[in-house]
Amino acid sequence: MHIGVIGATGTIGSRVVTEALDRGHRVTAMSRDASTAGLGESRENISWAGVDVLDAESIAAVLPGLDVLISGYQPGNAARDFADTVERSIADPTVYVTAARALLAALDRHPRTRLIVIGGAGSLETSPGVTLADDEELLHATLDRLGLPRGYAASVRGARDGLNVLRTSNRYWTYFSPAEFIAPGERTGRFRIGGDQTVRDADGLSRISAEDAAVALVDEAELPRFVQRRFTAAY
């Protein structure tokens, strides 16, 4: 399988690249500046390409030959400068809608390519029909717990709006909402899969390592279970 990964230098994207390569897939790793991102690359079955996820023409140019495109787009690169990504996300929360529309427009020319978008946990339901993004008090409490500024609520809602754009499309899209807390850690391969509701452990926590999120994403790329649907993964 040929998998494209937008945001291939990011926290989740870089691990998706590694997971896909370890399973024997061919990978086109994409970033804003592939000329520097791919320097020193020595792994087999990987090539690097530059892409602007806010520009449908740029995305369409890298789609030929891809079976699946996984987009881990974020404003900035949280793996390198988390504070900058948070600041950018707050400054323009509409970028998630712009990216969703650009991705779908590019897929209009390549309708057989599957799209998996890595989004946020804020659009997961905390009760039937009610998302975290809808509940300002709970959202602020969650941001406080995660050490994020309350202004980041605008970005959470922006990511939710991006999901809603995908939901209007008839393309082969899938949206992945990771757990509320995700960070580099261990690849265990053991986690639970959910749909629109937050998955929590016995202590009420919603968490997963970036490595295991990558396992869940490549699992979905290999064996589609959530076409035109959202899914989540957590311990």
C-alpha atoms as a PDB file:
ATOM      1  CA  MET A   1       0.000   0.000   0.000  1.00  0.00           C
ATOM      2  CA  HIS A   2       1.170   3.527  -0.771  1.00  0.00           C
ATOM      3  CA  ILE A   3       0.408   5.905   2.102  1.00  0.00           C
ATOM      4  CA  GLY A   4       0.882   9.664   2.054  1.00  0.00           C
ATOM      5  CA  VAL A   5       1.391  11.439   5.372  1.00  0.00           C
ATOM      6  CA  ILE A   6       0.886  15.190   5.677  1.00  0.00           C
ATOM      7  CA  GLY A   7       2.637  16.542   8.754  1.00  0.00           C
ATOM      8  CA  ALA A   8       5.237  13.790   8.595  1.00  0.00           C
ATOM      9  CA  THR A   9       7.599  15.601  10.974  1.00  0.00           C
ATOM     10  CA  GLY A  10       4.942  16.122  13.660  1.00  0.00           C
ATOM     11  CA  THR A  11       4.400  14.210  16.881  1.00  0.00           C
ATOM     12  CA  ILE A  12       1.792  11.816  15.470  1.00  0.00           C
ATOM     13  CA  GLY A  13       2.699  12.071  11.784  1.00  0.00           C
ATOM     14  CA  SER A  14       6.315  11.021  12.299  1.00  0.00           C
ATOM     15  CA  ARG A  15       5.148   7.958  14.180  1.00  0.00           C
ATOM     16  CA  VAL A  16       2.613   7.106  11.485  1.00  0.00           C
ATOM     17  CA  VAL A  17       5.474   7.178   8.977  1.00  0.00           C
ATOM     18  CA  THR A  18       7.536   4.803  11.111  1.00  0.00           C
ATOM     19  CA  GLU A  19       4.600   2.467  11.773  1.00  0.00           C
ATOM     20  CA  ALA A  20       3.702   2.298   8.079  1.00  0.00           C
ATOM     21  CA  LEU A  21       7.298   1.629   7.021  1.00  0.00           C
ATOM     22  CA  ASP A  22       7.701  -1.060   9.691  1.00  0.00           C
ATOM     23  CA  ARG A  23       4.664  -2.827   8.217  1.00  0.00           C
ATOM     24  CA  GLY A  24       6.185  -2.815   4.756  1.00  0.00           C
ATOM     25  CA  HIS A  25       4.186   0.000   3.177  1.00  0.00           C
ATOM     26  CA  ARG A  26       5.522   2.601   0.805  1.00  0.00           C
ATOM     27  CA  VAL A  27       5.320   6.114   2.256  1.00  0.00           C
ATOM     28  CA  THR A  28       5.353   9.584   0.780  1.00  0.00           C
ATOM     29  CA  ALA A  29       6.156  11.833   3.729  1.00  0.00           C
ATOM     30  CA  MET A  30       4.918  15.392   3.301  1.00  0.00           C
ATOM     31  CA  SER A  31       5.756  18.620   5.050  1.00  0.00           C
ATOM     32  CA  ARG A  32       5.756  22.325   4.310  1.00  0.00           C
ATOM     33  CA  ASP A  33       9.451  22.184   3.393  1.00  0.00           C
ATOM     34  CA  ALA A  34      10.453  18.732   2.208  1.00  0.00           C
ATOM     35  CA  SER A  35      13.905  19.996   1.166  1.00  0.00           C
ATOM     36  CA  THR A  36      14.965  20.155   4.805  1.00  0.00           C
ATOM     37  CA  ALA A  37      12.596  17.593   6.344  1.00  0.00           C
ATOM     38  CA  GLY A  38      14.004  14.770   4.237  1.00  0.00           C
ATOM     39  CA  LEU A  39      17.664  15.527   4.861  1.00  0.00           C
ATOM     40  CA  GLY A  40      19.542  12.526   6.172  1.00  0.00           C
ATOM     41  CA  GLU A  41      16.682  10.132   5.392  1.00  0.00           C
ATOM     42  CA  SER A  42      18.117   6.633   5.041  1.00  0.00           C
ATOM     43  CA  ARG A  43      15.049   4.410   5.391  1.00  0.00           C
ATOM     44  CA  GLU A  44      13.793   2.376   2.446  1.00  0.00           C
ATOM     45  CA  ASN A  45      10.415   2.829   0.750  1.00  0.00           C
ATOM     46  CA  ILE A  46      10.075   6.490   1.716  1.00  0.00           C
ATOM     47  CA  SER A  47      10.164   9.663  -0.338  1.00  0.00           C
ATOM     48  CA  TRP A  48       9.580  13.264   0.713  1.00  0.00           C
ATOM     49  CA  ALA A  49       7.371  15.895  -0.888  1.00  0.00           C
ATOM     50  CA  GLY A  50       6.421  19.460  -0.081  1.00  0.00           C
ATOM     51  CA  VAL A  51       2.723  20.255   0.257  1.00  0.00           C
ATOM     52  CA  ASP A  52       0.544  23.156   1.343  1.00  0.00           C
ATOM     53  CA  VAL A  53      -2.518  21.608   2.978  1.00  0.00           C
ATOM     54  CA  LEU A  54      -4.445  24.867   2.607  1.00  0.00           C
ATOM     55  CA  ASP A  55      -4.067  24.746  -1.193  1.00  0.00           C
ATOM     56  CA  ALA A  56      -6.090  22.164  -3.142  1.00  0.00           C
ATOM     57  CA  GLU A  57      -3.748  22.369  -6.142  1.00  0.00           C
ATOM     58  CA  SER A  58      -0.736  21.576  -3.974  1.00  0.00           C
ATOM     59  CA  ILE A  59      -2.502  18.575  -2.436  1.00  0.00           C
ATOM     60  CA  ALA A  60      -3.775  17.294  -5.791  1.00  0.00           C
ATOM     61  CA  ALA A  61      -0.225  17.291  -7.138  1.00  0.00           C
ATOM     62  CA  VAL A  62       0.881  14.648  -4.617  1.00  0.00           C
ATOM     63  CA  LEU A  63      -2.182  12.387  -4.788  1.00  0.00           C
ATOM     64  CA  PRO A  64      -1.451  10.306  -7.908  1.00  0.00           C
ATOM     65  CA  GLY A  65      -0.501   6.789  -6.868  1.00  0.00           C
ATOM     66  CA  LEU A  66      -1.591   7.118  -3.253  1.00  0.00           C
ATOM     67  CA  ASP A  67      -4.001   4.592  -1.784  1.00  0.00           C
ATOM     68  CA  VAL A  68      -4.470   6.528   1.448  1.00  0.00           C
ATOM     69  CA  LEU A  69      -3.667  10.103   2.463  1.00  0.00           C
ATOM     70  CA  ILE A  70      -3.324  10.692   6.203  1.00  0.00           C
ATOM     71  CA  SER A  71      -3.376  14.363   7.183  1.00  0.00           C
ATOM     72  CA  GLY A  72      -1.857  15.310  10.500  1.00  0.00           C
ATOM     73  CA  TYR A  73      -1.967  19.017   9.695  1.00  0.00           C
ATOM     74  CA  GLN A  74      -1.533  21.519  12.493  1.00  0.00           C
ATOM     75  CA  PRO A  75      -0.656  25.205  12.363  1.00  0.00           C
ATOM     76  CA  GLY A  76       3.059  25.101  13.115  1.00  0.00           C
ATOM     77  CA  ASN A  77       4.881  21.988  14.329  1.00  0.00           C
ATOM     78  CA  ALA A  78       3.970  21.028  17.883  1.00  0.00           C
ATOM     79  CA  ALA A  79       6.794  18.482  18.030  1.00  0.00           C
ATOM     80  CA  ARG A  80       9.320  21.278  17.630  1.00  0.00           C
ATOM     81  CA  ASP A  81       7.566  24.246  19.238  1.00  0.00           C
ATOM     82  CA  PHE A  82       4.365  23.408  21.087  1.00  0.00           C
ATOM     83  CA  ALA A  83       3.764  26.955  22.316  1.00  0.00           C
ATOM     84  CA  ASP A  84       3.996  28.313  18.770  1.00  0.00           C
ATOM     85  CA  THR A  85       1.429  25.779  17.521  1.00  0.00           C
ATOM     86  CA  VAL A  86      -0.960  26.707  20.325  1.00  0.00           C
ATOM     87  CA  GLU A  87      -0.529  30.400  19.547  1.00  0.00           C
ATOM     88  CA  ARG A  88      -1.103  29.880  15.826  1.00  0.00           C
ATOM     89  CA  SER A  89      -4.156  27.704  16.472  1.00  0.00           C
ATOM     90  CA  ILE A  90      -5.741  30.368  18.660  1.00  0.00           C
ATOM     91  CA  ALA A  91      -4.903  33.167  16.212  1.00  0.00           C
ATOM     92  CA  ASP A  92      -6.746  31.531  13.301  1.00  0.00           C
ATOM     93  CA  PRO A  93      -9.049  28.651  14.233  1.00  0.00           C
ATOM     94  CA  THR A  94     -10.601  28.724  10.747  1.00  0.00           C
ATOM     95  CA  VAL A  95      -7.578  26.944   9.248  1.00  0.00           C
ATOM     96  CA  TYR A  96      -9.123  23.551  10.022  1.00  0.00           C
ATOM     97  CA  VAL A  97     -12.126  24.335   7.846  1.00  0.00           C
ATOM     98  CA  THR A  98      -9.833  25.695   5.124  1.00  0.00           C
ATOM     99  CA  ALA A  99      -7.726  22.529   5.231  1.00  0.00           C
ATOM    100  CA  ALA A 100     -10.778  20.251   5.131  1.00  0.00           C
ATOM    101  CA  ARG A 101     -12.166  22.047   2.117  1.00  0.00           C
ATOM    102  CA  ALA A 102      -8.809  21.959   0.317  1.00  0.00           C
ATOM    103  CA  LEU A 103      -8.400  18.239   0.983  1.00  0.00           C
ATOM    104  CA  LEU A 104     -11.878  17.457  -0.324  1.00  0.00           C
ATOM    105  CA  ALA A 105     -11.401  19.649  -3.392  1.00  0.00           C
ATOM    106  CA  ALA A 106      -8.178  17.786  -4.198  1.00  0.00           C
ATOM    107  CA  LEU A 107      -9.935  14.440  -3.778  1.00  0.00           C
ATOM    108  CA  ASP A 108     -12.540  15.467  -6.333  1.00  0.00           C
ATOM    109  CA  ARG A 109      -9.872  14.647  -8.942  1.00  0.00           C
ATOM    110  CA  HIS A 110      -8.744  11.456  -7.209  1.00  0.00           C
ATOM    111  CA  PRO A 111     -11.928   9.985  -5.737  1.00  0.00           C
ATOM    112  CA  ARG A 112     -10.431   6.543  -5.136  1.00  0.00           C
ATOM    113  CA  THR A 113      -7.870   7.851  -2.652  1.00  0.00           C
ATOM    114  CA  ARG A 114      -8.955   7.437   0.959  1.00  0.00           C
ATOM    115  CA  LEU A 115      -8.503  10.359   3.334  1.00  0.00           C
ATOM    116  CA  ILE A 116      -7.841  10.029   7.057  1.00  0.00           C
ATOM    117  CA  VAL A 117      -7.738  13.312   8.969  1.00  0.00           C
ATOM    118  CA  ILE A 118      -6.132  13.443  12.404  1.00  0.00           C
ATOM    119  CA  GLY A 119      -8.251  15.896  14.348  1.00  0.00           C
ATOM    120  CA  GLY A 120      -8.895  16.744  17.970  1.00  0.00           C
ATOM    121  CA  ALA A 121     -10.713  15.270  20.937  1.00  0.00           C
ATOM    122  CA  GLY A 122     -12.925  18.317  21.464  1.00  0.00           C
ATOM    123  CA  SER A 123     -15.565  17.137  19.013  1.00  0.00           C
ATOM    124  CA  LEU A 124     -16.078  13.855  20.875  1.00  0.00           C
ATOM    125  CA  GLU A 125     -19.368  13.510  22.712  1.00  0.00           C
ATOM    126  CA  THR A 126     -19.376  13.769  26.485  1.00  0.00           C
ATOM    127  CA  SER A 127     -23.055  12.779  26.509  1.00  0.00           C
ATOM    128  CA  PRO A 128     -25.406  11.831  23.667  1.00  0.00           C
ATOM    129  CA  GLY A 129     -25.443  14.676  21.147  1.00  0.00           C
ATOM    130  CA  VAL A 130     -23.264  16.985  23.288  1.00  0.00           C
ATOM    131  CA  THR A 131     -19.579  17.462  22.481  1.00  0.00           C
ATOM    132  CA  LEU A 132     -16.803  18.780  24.659  1.00  0.00           C
ATOM    133  CA  ALA A 133     -16.601  21.788  22.322  1.00  0.00           C
ATOM    134  CA  ASP A 134     -20.254  22.579  23.083  1.00  0.00           C
ATOM    135  CA  ASP A 135     -19.807  22.610  26.871  1.00  0.00           C
ATOM    136  CA  GLU A 136     -17.765  25.730  27.672  1.00  0.00           C
ATOM    137  CA  GLU A 137     -17.441  25.025  31.393  1.00  0.00           C
ATOM    138  CA  LEU A 138     -16.258  21.455  30.863  1.00  0.00           C
ATOM    139  CA  LEU A 139     -14.033  22.519  27.961  1.00  0.00           C
ATOM    140  CA  HIS A 140     -12.308  25.157  30.097  1.00  0.00           C
ATOM    141  CA  ALA A 141     -11.834  22.627  32.908  1.00  0.00           C
ATOM    142  CA  THR A 142     -10.317  20.161  30.439  1.00  0.00           C
ATOM    143  CA  LEU A 143      -7.960  22.777  29.024  1.00  0.00           C
ATOM    144  CA  ASP A 144      -6.921  23.729  32.564  1.00  0.00           C
ATOM    145  CA  ARG A 145      -6.180  20.074  33.327  1.00  0.00           C
ATOM    146  CA  LEU A 146      -4.121  19.716  30.151  1.00  0.00           C
ATOM    147  CA  GLY A 147      -2.191  22.918  30.837  1.00  0.00           C
ATOM    148  CA  LEU A 148      -3.586  24.738  27.795  1.00  0.00           C
ATOM    149  CA  PRO A 149      -4.809  28.350  27.782  1.00  0.00           C
ATOM    150  CA  ARG A 150      -8.560  28.783  27.767  1.00  0.00           C
ATOM    151  CA  GLY A 151      -8.236  30.756  24.536  1.00  0.00           C
ATOM    152  CA  TYR A 152      -7.441  27.412  22.910  1.00  0.00           C
ATOM    153  CA  ALA A 153     -11.183  26.726  23.055  1.00  0.00           C
ATOM    154  CA  ALA A 154     -11.463  28.606  19.755  1.00  0.00           C
ATOM    155  CA  SER A 155      -9.099  26.097  18.146  1.00  0.00           C
ATOM    156  CA  VAL A 156     -11.061  23.175  19.601  1.00  0.00           C
ATOM    157  CA  ARG A 157     -14.221  24.526  18.014  1.00  0.00           C
ATOM    158  CA  GLY A 158     -12.364  25.174  14.772  1.00  0.00           C
ATOM    159  CA  ALA A 159     -11.298  21.529  14.593  1.00  0.00           C
ATOM    160  CA  ARG A 160     -14.897  20.489  15.235  1.00  0.00           C
ATOM    161  CA  ASP A 161     -15.999  22.709  12.357  1.00  0.00           C
ATOM    162  CA  GLY A 162     -13.434  21.000  10.135  1.00  0.00           C
ATOM    163  CA  LEU A 163     -15.002  17.644  10.966  1.00  0.00           C
ATOM    164  CA  ASN A 164     -18.420  19.029  10.081  1.00  0.00           C
ATOM    165  CA  VAL A 165     -17.091  20.008   6.645  1.00  0.00           C
ATOM    166  CA  LEU A 166     -15.995  16.415   6.073  1.00  0.00           C
ATOM    167  CA  ARG A 167     -19.409  15.180   7.136  1.00  0.00           C
ATOM    168  CA  THR A 168     -20.998  16.985   4.184  1.00  0.00           C
ATOM    169  CA  SER A 169     -18.778  15.101   1.714  1.00  0.00           C
ATOM    170  CA  ASN A 170     -19.373  11.825  -0.127  1.00  0.00           C
ATOM    171  CA  ARG A 171     -15.636  11.126  -0.446  1.00  0.00           C
ATOM    172  CA  TYR A 172     -13.880   8.244   1.340  1.00  0.00           C
ATOM    173  CA  TRP A 173     -12.955  10.207   4.445  1.00  0.00           C
ATOM    174  CA  THR A 174     -12.291   9.091   8.003  1.00  0.00           C
ATOM    175  CA  TYR A 175     -11.714  11.390  10.978  1.00  0.00           C
ATOM    176  CA  PHE A 176      -9.545  10.322  13.896  1.00  0.00           C
ATOM    177  CA  SER A 177     -10.010  11.962  17.290  1.00  0.00           C
ATOM    178  CA  PRO A 178      -7.226  10.859  19.615  1.00  0.00           C
ATOM    179  CA  ALA A 179      -7.628  10.779  23.382  1.00  0.00           C
ATOM    180  CA  GLU A 180      -7.721  14.058  25.289  1.00  0.00           C
ATOM    181  CA  PHE A 181      -4.151  13.507  26.449  1.00  0.00           C
ATOM    182  CA  ILE A 182      -1.684  12.314  23.833  1.00  0.00           C
ATOM    183  CA  ALA A 183       2.085  12.430  24.085  1.00  0.00           C
ATOM    184  CA  PRO A 184       5.158  10.469  22.996  1.00  0.00           C
ATOM    185  CA  GLY A 185       5.407   7.210  24.891  1.00  0.00           C
ATOM    186  CA  GLU A 186       5.370   3.455  24.428  1.00  0.00           C
ATOM    187  CA  ARG A 187       4.018   1.419  21.526  1.00  0.00           C
ATOM    188  CA  THR A 188       1.920  -1.254  23.208  1.00  0.00           C
ATOM    189  CA  GLY A 189      -0.550  -2.080  20.444  1.00  0.00           C
ATOM    190  CA  ARG A 190      -3.188  -2.439  23.163  1.00  0.00           C
ATOM    191  CA  PHE A 191      -5.941   0.159  23.324  1.00  0.00           C
ATOM    192  CA  ARG A 192      -9.667   0.501  22.867  1.00  0.00           C
ATOM    193  CA  ILE A 193     -11.415   1.839  19.786  1.00  0.00           C
ATOM    194  CA  GLY A 194     -14.524   4.020  20.008  1.00  0.00           C
ATOM    195  CA  GLY A 195     -16.776   6.036  17.771  1.00  0.00           C
ATOM    196  CA  ASP A 196     -18.166   9.460  18.656  1.00  0.00           C
ATOM    197  CA  GLN A 197     -17.846   9.136  22.438  1.00  0.00           C
ATOM    198  CA  THR A 198     -14.743   9.745  24.518  1.00  0.00           C
ATOM    199  CA  VAL A 199     -13.007   6.548  25.650  1.00  0.00           C
ATOM    200  CA  ARG A 200     -11.799   6.700  29.275  1.00  0.00           C
ATOM    201  CA  ASP A 201      -9.906   4.329  31.520  1.00  0.00           C
ATOM    202  CA  ALA A 202     -10.925   3.119  34.986  1.00  0.00           C
ATOM    203  CA  ASP A 203      -9.668   6.378  36.492  1.00  0.00           C
ATOM    204  CA  GLY A 204     -11.762   8.464  34.123  1.00  0.00           C
ATOM    205  CA  LEU A 205      -8.765   9.552  32.064  1.00  0.00           C
ATOM    206  CA  SER A 206      -8.700   9.763  28.267  1.00  0.00           C
ATOM    207  CA  ARG A 207      -5.131   9.110  27.163  1.00  0.00           C
ATOM    208  CA  ILE A 208      -2.982   7.362  24.569  1.00  0.00           C
ATOM    209  CA  SER A 209       0.617   7.465  23.410  1.00  0.00           C
ATOM    210  CA  ALA A 210       1.434   8.953  20.030  1.00  0.00           C
ATOM    211  CA  GLU A 211       2.925   5.582  19.117  1.00  0.00           C
ATOM    212  CA  ASP A 212      -0.312   3.726  19.762  1.00  0.00           C
ATOM    213  CA  ALA A 213      -2.309   6.427  17.973  1.00  0.00           C
ATOM    214  CA  ALA A 214      -0.118   5.670  14.958  1.00  0.00           C
ATOM    215  CA  VAL A 215      -0.939   1.963  15.298  1.00  0.00           C
ATOM    216  CA  ALA A 216      -4.662   2.782  15.272  1.00  0.00           C
ATOM    217  CA  LEU A 217      -4.262   5.002  12.212  1.00  0.00           C
ATOM    218  CA  VAL A 218      -2.310   2.480  10.154  1.00  0.00           C
ATOM    219  CA  ASP A 219      -4.747  -0.244  11.239  1.00  0.00           C
ATOM    220  CA  GLU A 220      -7.548   1.891   9.780  1.00  0.00           C
ATOM    221  CA  ALA A 221      -5.556   2.517   6.602  1.00  0.00           C
ATOM    222  CA  GLU A 222      -5.063  -1.224   6.112  1.00  0.00           C
ATOM    223  CA  LEU A 223      -8.555  -2.346   7.077  1.00  0.00           C
ATOM    224  CA  PRO A 224     -11.164   0.445   6.731  1.00  0.00           C
ATOM    225  CA  ARG A 225     -13.799   0.307   9.445  1.00  0.00           C
ATOM    226  CA  PHE A 226     -14.825   3.944   9.696  1.00  0.00           C
ATOM    227  CA  VAL A 227     -15.422   5.218   6.158  1.00  0.00           C
ATOM    228  CA  GLN A 228     -17.347   8.505   6.305  1.00  0.00           C
ATOM    229  CA  ARG A 229     -17.219   8.224  10.076  1.00  0.00           C
ATOM    230  CA  ARG A 230     -15.092   9.334  12.999  1.00  0.00           C
ATOM    231  CA  PHE A 231     -13.295   7.064  15.430  1.00  0.00           C
ATOM    232  CA  THR A 232     -11.172   7.437  18.511  1.00  0.00           C
ATOM    233  CA  ALA A 233      -8.639   5.373  20.407  1.00  0.00           C
ATOM    234  CA  ALA A 234      -7.558   5.407  24.043  1.00  0.00           C
ATOM    235  CA  TYR A 235      -6.532   3.079  26.853  1.00  0.00           C
END
